């Protein structure tokens, strides 16, 4: 049985993200759930990796800043042949359609 330690919810564009810090018999974990128009995907990060996870996110933000990238510019993601690499395509590359709710992590 999981016990919730802390929860937060943020909305970014048309996506809602739920951050749930939980504890179960295997330890502490962060469950991140993305909800897009009722379709949910979840990842689970064990607490032992949260600092590394946060540092990696920070490095990605730093790259955006250092490269002076505009994340709101859809043309910024075209590859060399002019194809749009749609970062927000919910149907593309759905690698994990399984329901993660039953995972212990």
PDB file of N, CA and C in Angstrom:
ATOM      1  N   UNK A   1       0.845  -1.188   0.000  1.00  0.00           N
ATOM      2  CA  UNK A   1       0.000   0.000   0.000  1.00  0.00           C
ATOM      3  C   UNK A   1       0.886   1.246   0.000  1.00  0.00           C
ATOM      4  N   UNK A   2       0.554   2.168  -0.881  1.00  0.00           N
ATOM      5  CA  UNK A   2       1.324   3.404  -0.972  1.00  0.00           C
ATOM      6  C   UNK A   2       0.719   4.493  -0.100  1.00  0.00           C
ATOM      7  N   UNK A   3       1.607   5.245   0.524  1.00  0.00           N
ATOM      8  CA  UNK A   3       1.185   6.395   1.315  1.00  0.00           C
ATOM      9  C   UNK A   3       1.721   7.640   0.626  1.00  0.00           C
ATOM     10  N   UNK A   4       0.869   8.630   0.427  1.00  0.00           N
ATOM     11  CA  UNK A   4       1.280   9.874  -0.204  1.00  0.00           C
ATOM     12  C   UNK A   4       1.960  10.773   0.815  1.00  0.00           C
ATOM     13  N   UNK A   5       3.166  11.243   0.459  1.00  0.00           N
ATOM     14  CA  UNK A   5       3.931  12.153   1.312  1.00  0.00           C
ATOM     15  C   UNK A   5       3.668  13.598   0.904  1.00  0.00           C
ATOM     16  N   UNK A   6       3.656  13.854  -0.414  1.00  0.00           N
ATOM     17  CA  UNK A   6       3.405  15.201  -0.941  1.00  0.00           C
ATOM     18  C   UNK A   6       2.905  15.080  -2.375  1.00  0.00           C
ATOM     19  N   UNK A   7       2.111  16.063  -2.810  1.00  0.00           N
ATOM     20  CA  UNK A   7       1.587  16.081  -4.173  1.00  0.00           C
ATOM     21  C   UNK A   7       1.565  17.506  -4.700  1.00  0.00           C
ATOM     22  N   UNK A   8       1.823  17.628  -6.005  1.00  0.00           N
ATOM     23  CA  UNK A   8       1.694  18.909  -6.699  1.00  0.00           C
ATOM     24  C   UNK A   8       1.141  18.651  -8.084  1.00  0.00           C
ATOM     25  N   UNK A   9       0.486  19.663  -8.629  1.00  0.00           N
ATOM     26  CA  UNK A   9      -0.097  19.583  -9.965  1.00  0.00           C
ATOM     27  C   UNK A   9       0.272  20.864 -10.701  1.00  0.00           C
ATOM     28  N   UNK A  10       0.747  20.711 -11.951  1.00  0.00           N
ATOM     29  CA  UNK A  10       1.026  21.892 -12.766  1.00  0.00           C
ATOM     30  C   UNK A  10       0.441  21.683 -14.155  1.00  0.00           C
ATOM     31  N   UNK A  11       0.031  22.774 -14.775  1.00  0.00           N
ATOM     32  CA  UNK A  11      -0.462  22.719 -16.147  1.00  0.00           C
ATOM     33  C   UNK A  11       0.525  23.454 -17.036  1.00  0.00           C
ATOM     34  N   UNK A  12       0.922  22.791 -18.125  1.00  0.00           N
ATOM     35  CA  UNK A  12       1.809  23.378 -19.114  1.00  0.00           C
ATOM     36  C   UNK A  12       1.145  23.172 -20.463  1.00  0.00           C
ATOM     37  N   UNK A  13       0.756  24.275 -21.070  1.00  0.00           N
ATOM     38  CA  UNK A  13       0.013  24.240 -22.318  1.00  0.00           C
ATOM     39  C   UNK A  13      -1.221  23.365 -22.120  1.00  0.00           C
ATOM     40  N   UNK A  14      -1.396  22.322 -22.922  1.00  0.00           N
ATOM     41  CA  UNK A  14      -2.602  21.497 -22.811  1.00  0.00           C
ATOM     42  C   UNK A  14      -2.388  20.242 -21.969  1.00  0.00           C
ATOM     43  N   UNK A  15      -1.258  20.178 -21.287  1.00  0.00           N
ATOM     44  CA  UNK A  15      -0.935  19.009 -20.470  1.00  0.00           C
ATOM     45  C   UNK A  15      -1.007  19.358 -18.994  1.00  0.00           C
ATOM     46  N   UNK A  16      -1.443  18.395 -18.203  1.00  0.00           N
ATOM     47  CA  UNK A  16      -1.447  18.533 -16.757  1.00  0.00           C
ATOM     48  C   UNK A  16      -0.496  17.474 -16.215  1.00  0.00           C
ATOM     49  N   UNK A  17       0.406  17.893 -15.331  1.00  0.00           N
ATOM     50  CA  UNK A  17       1.366  16.986 -14.719  1.00  0.00           C
ATOM     51  C   UNK A  17       1.072  16.879 -13.228  1.00  0.00           C
ATOM     52  N   UNK A  18       1.048  15.643 -12.746  1.00  0.00           N
ATOM     53  CA  UNK A  18       0.862  15.375 -11.327  1.00  0.00           C
ATOM     54  C   UNK A  18       2.171  14.806 -10.789  1.00  0.00           C
ATOM     55  N   UNK A  19       2.679  15.393  -9.734  1.00  0.00           N
ATOM     56  CA  UNK A  19       3.891  14.921  -9.075  1.00  0.00           C
ATOM     57  C   UNK A  19       3.472  14.403  -7.704  1.00  0.00           C
ATOM     58  N   UNK A  20       3.606  13.121  -7.499  1.00  0.00           N
ATOM     59  CA  UNK A  20       3.200  12.498  -6.239  1.00  0.00           C
ATOM     60  C   UNK A  20       4.394  11.799  -5.612  1.00  0.00           C
ATOM     61  N   UNK A  21       4.831  12.318  -4.476  1.00  0.00           N
ATOM     62  CA  UNK A  21       5.895  11.678  -3.699  1.00  0.00           C
ATOM     63  C   UNK A  21       5.218  10.677  -2.778  1.00  0.00           C
ATOM     64  N   UNK A  22       5.606   9.420  -2.930  1.00  0.00           N
ATOM     65  CA  UNK A  22       4.922   8.348  -2.205  1.00  0.00           C
ATOM     66  C   UNK A  22       5.927   7.441  -1.512  1.00  0.00           C
ATOM     67  N   UNK A  23       5.410   6.659  -0.588  1.00  0.00           N
ATOM     68  CA  UNK A  23       6.217   5.658   0.084  1.00  0.00           C
ATOM     69  C   UNK A  23       5.440   4.350   0.093  1.00  0.00           C
ATOM     70  N   UNK A  24       6.157   3.269  -0.205  1.00  0.00           N
ATOM     71  CA  UNK A  24       5.551   1.952  -0.111  1.00  0.00           C
ATOM     72  C   UNK A  24       6.547   1.005   0.557  1.00  0.00           C
ATOM     73  N   UNK A  25       6.268  -0.281   0.558  1.00  0.00           N
ATOM     74  CA  UNK A  25       7.127  -1.239   1.244  1.00  0.00           C
ATOM     75  C   UNK A  25       8.524  -1.314   0.640  1.00  0.00           C
ATOM     76  N   UNK A  26       8.703  -0.834  -0.588  1.00  0.00           N
ATOM     77  CA  UNK A  26      10.016  -0.884  -1.247  1.00  0.00           C
ATOM     78  C   UNK A  26      10.801   0.408  -1.097  1.00  0.00           C
ATOM     79  N   UNK A  27      10.183   1.464  -0.587  1.00  0.00           N
ATOM     80  CA  UNK A  27      10.889   2.719  -0.394  1.00  0.00           C
ATOM     81  C   UNK A  27      10.082   3.924  -0.833  1.00  0.00           C
ATOM     82  N   UNK A  28      10.790   5.031  -1.053  1.00  0.00           N
ATOM     83  CA  UNK A  28      10.166   6.295  -1.460  1.00  0.00           C
ATOM     84  C   UNK A  28      10.340   6.443  -2.968  1.00  0.00           C
ATOM     85  N   UNK A  29       9.327   6.986  -3.626  1.00  0.00           N
ATOM     86  CA  UNK A  29       9.334   7.143  -5.071  1.00  0.00           C
ATOM     87  C   UNK A  29       8.596   8.405  -5.474  1.00  0.00           C
ATOM     88  N   UNK A  30       8.913   8.893  -6.652  1.00  0.00           N
ATOM     89  CA  UNK A  30       8.175  10.003  -7.241  1.00  0.00           C
ATOM     90  C   UNK A  30       7.432   9.468  -8.444  1.00  0.00           C
ATOM     91  N   UNK A  31       6.132   9.609  -8.426  1.00  0.00           N
ATOM     92  CA  UNK A  31       5.294   9.208  -9.555  1.00  0.00           C
ATOM     93  C   UNK A  31       4.913  10.485 -10.306  1.00  0.00           C
ATOM     94  N   UNK A  32       5.295  10.551 -11.576  1.00  0.00           N
ATOM     95  CA  UNK A  32       4.963  11.696 -12.425  1.00  0.00           C
ATOM     96  C   UNK A  32       3.957  11.215 -13.467  1.00  0.00           C
ATOM     97  N   UNK A  33       2.781  11.810 -13.447  1.00  0.00           N
ATOM     98  CA  UNK A  33       1.725  11.427 -14.372  1.00  0.00           C
ATOM     99  C   UNK A  33       1.404  12.612 -15.269  1.00  0.00           C
ATOM    100  N   UNK A  34       1.360  12.332 -16.568  1.00  0.00           N
ATOM    101  CA  UNK A  34       1.001  13.337 -17.567  1.00  0.00           C
ATOM    102  C   UNK A  34      -0.417  13.017 -18.038  1.00  0.00           C
ATOM    103  N   UNK A  35      -1.286  14.007 -18.034  1.00  0.00           N
ATOM    104  CA  UNK A  35      -2.656  13.841 -18.512  1.00  0.00           C
ATOM    105  C   UNK A  35      -2.866  14.787 -19.685  1.00  0.00           C
ATOM    106  N   UNK A  36      -3.179  14.195 -20.834  1.00  0.00           N
ATOM    107  CA  UNK A  36      -3.480  14.983 -22.027  1.00  0.00           C
ATOM    108  C   UNK A  36      -4.842  14.528 -22.529  1.00  0.00           C
ATOM    109  N   UNK A  37      -5.819  15.374 -22.380  1.00  0.00           N
ATOM    110  CA  UNK A  37      -7.183  15.078 -22.830  1.00  0.00           C
ATOM    111  C   UNK A  37      -7.661  13.707 -22.367  1.00  0.00           C
ATOM    112  N   UNK A  38      -7.388  13.371 -21.120  1.00  0.00           N
ATOM    113  CA  UNK A  38      -7.872  12.124 -20.548  1.00  0.00           C
ATOM    114  C   UNK A  38      -6.949  10.930 -20.745  1.00  0.00           C
ATOM    115  N   UNK A  39      -5.911  11.067 -21.555  1.00  0.00           N
ATOM    116  CA  UNK A  39      -4.933   9.986 -21.736  1.00  0.00           C
ATOM    117  C   UNK A  39      -3.798  10.213 -20.753  1.00  0.00           C
ATOM    118  N   UNK A  40      -3.531   9.206 -19.938  1.00  0.00           N
ATOM    119  CA  UNK A  40      -2.497   9.349 -18.901  1.00  0.00           C
ATOM    120  C   UNK A  40      -1.319   8.417 -19.150  1.00  0.00           C
ATOM    121  N   UNK A  41      -0.138   8.966 -18.923  1.00  0.00           N
ATOM    122  CA  UNK A  41       1.095   8.191 -18.926  1.00  0.00           C
ATOM    123  C   UNK A  41       1.826   8.511 -17.633  1.00  0.00           C
ATOM    124  N   UNK A  42       2.464   7.497 -17.063  1.00  0.00           N
ATOM    125  CA  UNK A  42       3.123   7.666 -15.772  1.00  0.00           C
ATOM    126  C   UNK A  42       4.541   7.120 -15.829  1.00  0.00           C
ATOM    127  N   UNK A  43       5.447   7.846 -15.181  1.00  0.00           N
ATOM    128  CA  UNK A  43       6.778   7.305 -14.927  1.00  0.00           C
ATOM    129  C   UNK A  43       6.992   7.323 -13.423  1.00  0.00           C
ATOM    130  N   UNK A  44       7.826   6.414 -12.976  1.00  0.00           N
ATOM    131  CA  UNK A  44       8.130   6.321 -11.552  1.00  0.00           C
ATOM    132  C   UNK A  44       9.634   6.426 -11.390  1.00  0.00           C
ATOM    133  N   UNK A  45      10.063   7.345 -10.525  1.00  0.00           N
ATOM    134  CA  UNK A  45      11.489   7.547 -10.260  1.00  0.00           C
ATOM    135  C   UNK A  45      11.735   7.205  -8.788  1.00  0.00           C
ATOM    136  N   UNK A  46      12.561   6.197  -8.532  1.00  0.00           N
ATOM    137  CA  UNK A  46      12.893   5.896  -7.129  1.00  0.00           C
ATOM    138  C   UNK A  46      13.593   7.093  -6.489  1.00  0.00           C
ATOM    139  N   UNK A  47      13.345   7.331  -5.226  1.00  0.00           N
ATOM    140  CA  UNK A  47      13.934   8.478  -4.526  1.00  0.00           C
ATOM    141  C   UNK A  47      15.455   8.452  -4.575  1.00  0.00           C
ATOM    142  N   UNK A  48      16.037   7.265  -4.694  1.00  0.00           N
ATOM    143  CA  UNK A  48      17.497   7.171  -4.763  1.00  0.00           C
ATOM    144  C   UNK A  48      18.051   7.844  -6.016  1.00  0.00           C
ATOM    145  N   UNK A  49      17.216   8.071  -7.027  1.00  0.00           N
ATOM    146  CA  UNK A  49      17.669   8.714  -8.256  1.00  0.00           C
ATOM    147  C   UNK A  49      17.133  10.112  -8.470  1.00  0.00           C
ATOM    148  N   UNK A  50      16.405  10.651  -7.495  1.00  0.00           N
ATOM    149  CA  UNK A  50      15.776  11.958  -7.692  1.00  0.00           C
ATOM    150  C   UNK A  50      16.781  13.092  -7.891  1.00  0.00           C
ATOM    151  N   UNK A  51      17.884  13.072  -7.164  1.00  0.00           N
ATOM    152  CA  UNK A  51      18.883  14.134  -7.341  1.00  0.00           C
ATOM    153  C   UNK A  51      19.467  14.085  -8.742  1.00  0.00           C
ATOM    154  N   UNK A  52      19.810  12.888  -9.235  1.00  0.00           N
ATOM    155  CA  UNK A  52      20.325  12.750 -10.598  1.00  0.00           C
ATOM    156  C   UNK A  52      19.284  13.190 -11.621  1.00  0.00           C
ATOM    157  N   UNK A  53      18.027  12.815 -11.392  1.00  0.00           N
ATOM    158  CA  UNK A  53      16.927  13.182 -12.278  1.00  0.00           C
ATOM    159  C   UNK A  53      16.797  14.705 -12.343  1.00  0.00           C
ATOM    160  N   UNK A  54      16.802  15.364 -11.182  1.00  0.00           N
ATOM    161  CA  UNK A  54      16.672  16.820 -11.109  1.00  0.00           C
ATOM    162  C   UNK A  54      17.866  17.511 -11.772  1.00  0.00           C
ATOM    163  N   UNK A  55      19.065  16.967 -11.567  1.00  0.00           N
ATOM    164  CA  UNK A  55      20.258  17.557 -12.186  1.00  0.00           C
ATOM    165  C   UNK A  55      20.202  17.446 -13.707  1.00  0.00           C
ATOM    166  N   UNK A  56      19.694  16.334 -14.209  1.00  0.00           N
ATOM    167  CA  UNK A  56      19.548  16.150 -15.649  1.00  0.00           C
ATOM    168  C   UNK A  56      18.540  17.157 -16.217  1.00  0.00           C
ATOM    169  N   UNK A  57      17.419  17.329 -15.537  1.00  0.00           N
ATOM    170  CA  UNK A  57      16.441  18.332 -15.973  1.00  0.00           C
ATOM    171  C   UNK A  57      17.064  19.724 -15.993  1.00  0.00           C
ATOM    172  N   UNK A  58      17.838  20.046 -14.986  1.00  0.00           N
ATOM    173  CA  UNK A  58      18.515  21.341 -14.911  1.00  0.00           C
ATOM    174  C   UNK A  58      19.459  21.520 -16.093  1.00  0.00           C
ATOM    175  N   UNK A  59      20.203  20.452 -16.442  1.00  0.00           N
ATOM    176  CA  UNK A  59      21.116  20.538 -17.585  1.00  0.00           C
ATOM    177  C   UNK A  59      20.349  20.789 -18.882  1.00  0.00           C
ATOM    178  N   UNK A  60      19.177  20.182 -19.044  1.00  0.00           N
ATOM    179  CA  UNK A  60      18.369  20.402 -20.250  1.00  0.00           C
ATOM    180  C   UNK A  60      17.891  21.858 -20.323  1.00  0.00           C
ATOM    181  N   UNK A  61      17.479  22.407 -19.192  1.00  0.00           N
ATOM    182  CA  UNK A  61      17.070  23.816 -19.144  1.00  0.00           C
ATOM    183  C   UNK A  61      18.263  24.720 -19.448  1.00  0.00           C
ATOM    184  N   UNK A  62      19.420  24.367 -18.918  1.00  0.00           N
ATOM    185  CA  UNK A  62      20.636  25.140 -19.193  1.00  0.00           C
ATOM    186  C   UNK A  62      20.978  25.140 -20.679  1.00  0.00           C
ATOM    187  N   UNK A  63      20.800  24.001 -21.354  1.00  0.00           N
ATOM    188  CA  UNK A  63      21.059  23.937 -22.796  1.00  0.00           C
ATOM    189  C   UNK A  63      20.124  24.888 -23.537  1.00  0.00           C
ATOM    190  N   UNK A  64      18.852  24.884 -23.162  1.00  0.00           N
ATOM    191  CA  UNK A  64      17.898  25.801 -23.793  1.00  0.00           C
ATOM    192  C   UNK A  64      18.364  27.241 -23.618  1.00  0.00           C
ATOM    193  N   UNK A  65      18.806  27.582 -22.411  1.00  0.00           N
ATOM    194  CA  UNK A  65      19.286  28.934 -22.140  1.00  0.00           C
ATOM    195  C   UNK A  65      20.578  29.238 -22.889  1.00  0.00           C
ATOM    196  N   UNK A  66      21.551  28.325 -22.840  1.00  0.00           N
ATOM    197  CA  UNK A  66      22.852  28.549 -23.471  1.00  0.00           C
ATOM    198  C   UNK A  66      22.752  28.641 -24.986  1.00  0.00           C
ATOM    199  N   UNK A  67      21.881  27.836 -25.571  1.00  0.00           N
ATOM    200  CA  UNK A  67      21.716  27.836 -27.023  1.00  0.00           C
ATOM    201  C   UNK A  67      20.714  28.903 -27.484  1.00  0.00           C
ATOM    202  N   UNK A  68      20.178  29.630 -26.514  1.00  0.00           N
ATOM    203  CA  UNK A  68      19.198  30.675 -26.797  1.00  0.00           C
ATOM    204  C   UNK A  68      18.033  30.131 -27.631  1.00  0.00           C
ATOM    205  N   UNK A  69      17.568  28.935 -27.249  1.00  0.00           N
ATOM    206  CA  UNK A  69      16.466  28.296 -27.957  1.00  0.00           C
ATOM    207  C   UNK A  69      15.138  28.870 -27.496  1.00  0.00           C
ATOM    208  N   UNK A  70      14.197  28.906 -28.400  1.00  0.00           N
ATOM    209  CA  UNK A  70      12.848  29.372 -28.079  1.00  0.00           C
ATOM    210  C   UNK A  70      11.916  28.171 -28.102  1.00  0.00           C
ATOM    211  N   UNK A  71      11.565  27.634 -26.934  1.00  0.00           N
ATOM    212  CA  UNK A  71      10.711  26.445 -26.905  1.00  0.00           C
ATOM    213  C   UNK A  71       9.315  26.688 -27.463  1.00  0.00           C
ATOM    214  N   UNK A  72       8.928  27.937 -27.667  1.00  0.00           N
ATOM    215  CA  UNK A  72       7.606  28.221 -28.225  1.00  0.00           C
ATOM    216  C   UNK A  72       7.628  28.313 -29.744  1.00  0.00           C
ATOM    217  N   UNK A  73       8.822  28.176 -30.368  1.00  0.00           N
ATOM    218  CA  UNK A  73       8.967  28.289 -31.818  1.00  0.00           C
ATOM    219  C   UNK A  73       8.891  26.907 -32.452  1.00  0.00           C
ATOM    220  N   UNK A  74       7.761  26.568 -33.118  1.00  0.00           N
ATOM    221  CA  UNK A  74       7.630  25.230 -33.701  1.00  0.00           C
ATOM    222  C   UNK A  74       8.655  24.951 -34.798  1.00  0.00           C
ATOM    223  N   UNK A  75       9.171  25.967 -35.456  1.00  0.00           N
ATOM    224  CA  UNK A  75      10.157  25.761 -36.511  1.00  0.00           C
ATOM    225  C   UNK A  75      11.521  25.379 -35.952  1.00  0.00           C
ATOM    226  N   UNK A  76      11.727  25.592 -34.688  1.00  0.00           N
ATOM    227  CA  UNK A  76      13.009  25.260 -34.061  1.00  0.00           C
ATOM    228  C   UNK A  76      13.251  23.763 -34.026  1.00  0.00           C
ATOM    229  N   UNK A  77      12.221  22.960 -34.257  1.00  0.00           N
ATOM    230  CA  UNK A  77      12.356  21.513 -34.142  1.00  0.00           C
ATOM    231  C   UNK A  77      12.306  20.810 -35.479  1.00  0.00           C
ATOM    232  N   UNK A  78      12.474  21.551 -36.576  1.00  0.00           N
ATOM    233  CA  UNK A  78      12.560  20.905 -37.886  1.00  0.00           C
ATOM    234  C   UNK A  78      13.944  20.319 -38.052  1.00  0.00           C
ATOM    235  N   UNK A  79      14.002  19.101 -38.599  1.00  0.00           N
ATOM    236  CA  UNK A  79      15.315  18.528 -38.858  1.00  0.00           C
ATOM    237  C   UNK A  79      15.808  18.947 -40.236  1.00  0.00           C
ATOM    238  N   UNK A  80      16.956  18.428 -40.644  1.00  0.00           N
ATOM    239  CA  UNK A  80      17.611  18.887 -41.865  1.00  0.00           C
ATOM    240  C   UNK A  80      16.775  18.711 -43.112  1.00  0.00           C
ATOM    241  N   UNK A  81      15.898  17.702 -43.157  1.00  0.00           N
ATOM    242  CA  UNK A  81      15.097  17.498 -44.363  1.00  0.00           C
ATOM    243  C   UNK A  81      13.759  18.238 -44.303  1.00  0.00           C
ATOM    244  N   UNK A  82      13.597  19.097 -43.296  1.00  0.00           N
ATOM    245  CA  UNK A  82      12.397  19.922 -43.205  1.00  0.00           C
ATOM    246  C   UNK A  82      11.240  19.267 -42.498  1.00  0.00           C
ATOM    247  N   UNK A  83      11.420  18.015 -42.036  1.00  0.00           N
ATOM    248  CA  UNK A  83      10.343  17.345 -41.312  1.00  0.00           C
ATOM    249  C   UNK A  83      10.228  17.918 -39.914  1.00  0.00           C
ATOM    250  N   UNK A  84       9.010  18.087 -39.477  1.00  0.00           N
ATOM    251  CA  UNK A  84       8.749  18.599 -38.139  1.00  0.00           C
ATOM    252  C   UNK A  84       8.867  17.458 -37.140  1.00  0.00           C
ATOM    253  N   UNK A  85       9.756  17.585 -36.174  1.00  0.00           N
ATOM    254  CA  UNK A  85       9.854  16.621 -35.093  1.00  0.00           C
ATOM    255  C   UNK A  85       8.874  17.046 -34.023  1.00  0.00           C
ATOM    256  N   UNK A  86       7.624  16.614 -34.156  1.00  0.00           N
ATOM    257  CA  UNK A  86       6.552  17.063 -33.279  1.00  0.00           C
ATOM    258  C   UNK A  86       6.765  16.542 -31.868  1.00  0.00           C
ATOM    259  N   UNK A  87       7.270  17.413 -31.006  1.00  0.00           N
ATOM    260  CA  UNK A  87       7.529  17.027 -29.631  1.00  0.00           C
ATOM    261  C   UNK A  87       6.246  16.773 -28.856  1.00  0.00           C
ATOM    262  N   UNK A  88       5.132  17.243 -29.376  1.00  0.00           N
ATOM    263  CA  UNK A  88       3.875  17.120 -28.655  1.00  0.00           C
ATOM    264  C   UNK A  88       2.919  16.158 -29.329  1.00  0.00           C
ATOM    265  N   UNK A  89       3.404  15.304 -30.218  1.00  0.00           N
ATOM    266  CA  UNK A  89       2.564  14.338 -30.897  1.00  0.00           C
ATOM    267  C   UNK A  89       2.295  13.174 -29.955  1.00  0.00           C
ATOM    268  N   UNK A  90       1.076  13.112 -29.434  1.00  0.00           N
ATOM    269  CA  UNK A  90       0.734  12.094 -28.449  1.00  0.00           C
ATOM    270  C   UNK A  90       0.671  10.697 -29.047  1.00  0.00           C
ATOM    271  N   UNK A  91       0.424  10.591 -30.346  1.00  0.00           N
ATOM    272  CA  UNK A  91       0.309   9.289 -30.964  1.00  0.00           C
ATOM    273  C   UNK A  91       1.674   8.725 -31.365  1.00  0.00           C
ATOM    274  N   UNK A  92       2.673   9.561 -31.517  1.00  0.00           N
ATOM    275  CA  UNK A  92       3.989   9.109 -31.970  1.00  0.00           C
ATOM    276  C   UNK A  92       4.765   8.469 -30.831  1.00  0.00           C
ATOM    277  N   UNK A  93       5.408   7.371 -31.125  1.00  0.00           N
ATOM    278  CA  UNK A  93       6.321   6.704 -30.198  1.00  0.00           C
ATOM    279  C   UNK A  93       5.722   6.435 -28.832  1.00  0.00           C
ATOM    280  N   UNK A  94       4.500   5.929 -28.779  1.00  0.00           N
ATOM    281  CA  UNK A  94       3.910   5.518 -27.511  1.00  0.00           C
ATOM    282  C   UNK A  94       4.562   4.216 -27.094  1.00  0.00           C
ATOM    283  N   UNK A  95       5.644   4.325 -26.335  1.00  0.00           N
ATOM    284  CA  UNK A  95       6.397   3.146 -25.940  1.00  0.00           C
ATOM    285  C   UNK A  95       5.773   2.443 -24.755  1.00  0.00           C
ATOM    286  N   UNK A  96       5.071   3.160 -23.931  1.00  0.00           N
ATOM    287  CA  UNK A  96       4.553   2.563 -22.707  1.00  0.00           C
ATOM    288  C   UNK A  96       3.096   2.851 -22.520  1.00  0.00           C
ATOM    289  N   UNK A  97       2.250   2.077 -23.172  1.00  0.00           N
ATOM    290  CA  UNK A  97       0.822   2.277 -23.017  1.00  0.00           C
ATOM    291  C   UNK A  97       0.260   1.509 -21.834  1.00  0.00           C
ATOM    292  N   UNK A  98       1.129   0.747 -21.153  1.00  0.00           N
ATOM    293  CA  UNK A  98       0.633  -0.013 -20.029  1.00  0.00           C
ATOM    294  C   UNK A  98       0.283   0.932 -18.893  1.00  0.00           C
ATOM    295  N   UNK A  99      -0.614   0.487 -18.057  1.00  0.00           N
ATOM    296  CA  UNK A  99      -1.013   1.267 -16.896  1.00  0.00           C
ATOM    297  C   UNK A  99      -0.006   1.035 -15.782  1.00  0.00           C
ATOM    298  N   UNK A 100       0.719   2.066 -15.399  1.00  0.00           N
ATOM    299  CA  UNK A 100       1.758   1.953 -14.386  1.00  0.00           C
ATOM    300  C   UNK A 100       1.218   2.007 -12.969  1.00  0.00           C
ATOM    301  N   UNK A 101      -0.060   2.146 -12.814  1.00  0.00           N
ATOM    302  CA  UNK A 101      -0.634   2.332 -11.481  1.00  0.00           C
ATOM    303  C   UNK A 101      -0.355   1.144 -10.565  1.00  0.00           C
ATOM    304  N   UNK A 102      -0.147  -0.048 -11.117  1.00  0.00           N
ATOM    305  CA  UNK A 102       0.052  -1.202 -10.263  1.00  0.00           C
ATOM    306  C   UNK A 102       1.525  -1.477  -9.999  1.00  0.00           C
ATOM    307  N   UNK A 103       2.405  -0.731 -10.626  1.00  0.00           N
ATOM    308  CA  UNK A 103       3.841  -0.929 -10.406  1.00  0.00           C
ATOM    309  C   UNK A 103       4.243  -0.490  -9.001  1.00  0.00           C
ATOM    310  N   UNK A 104       5.099  -1.263  -8.385  1.00  0.00           N
ATOM    311  CA  UNK A 104       5.646  -0.860  -7.083  1.00  0.00           C
ATOM    312  C   UNK A 104       6.766   0.128  -7.260  1.00  0.00           C
ATOM    313  N   UNK A 105       7.375   0.122  -8.381  1.00  0.00           N
ATOM    314  CA  UNK A 105       8.446   0.927  -8.948  1.00  0.00           C
ATOM    315  C   UNK A 105       9.589   0.046  -9.118  1.00  0.00           C
TER     316      UNK A 105
END
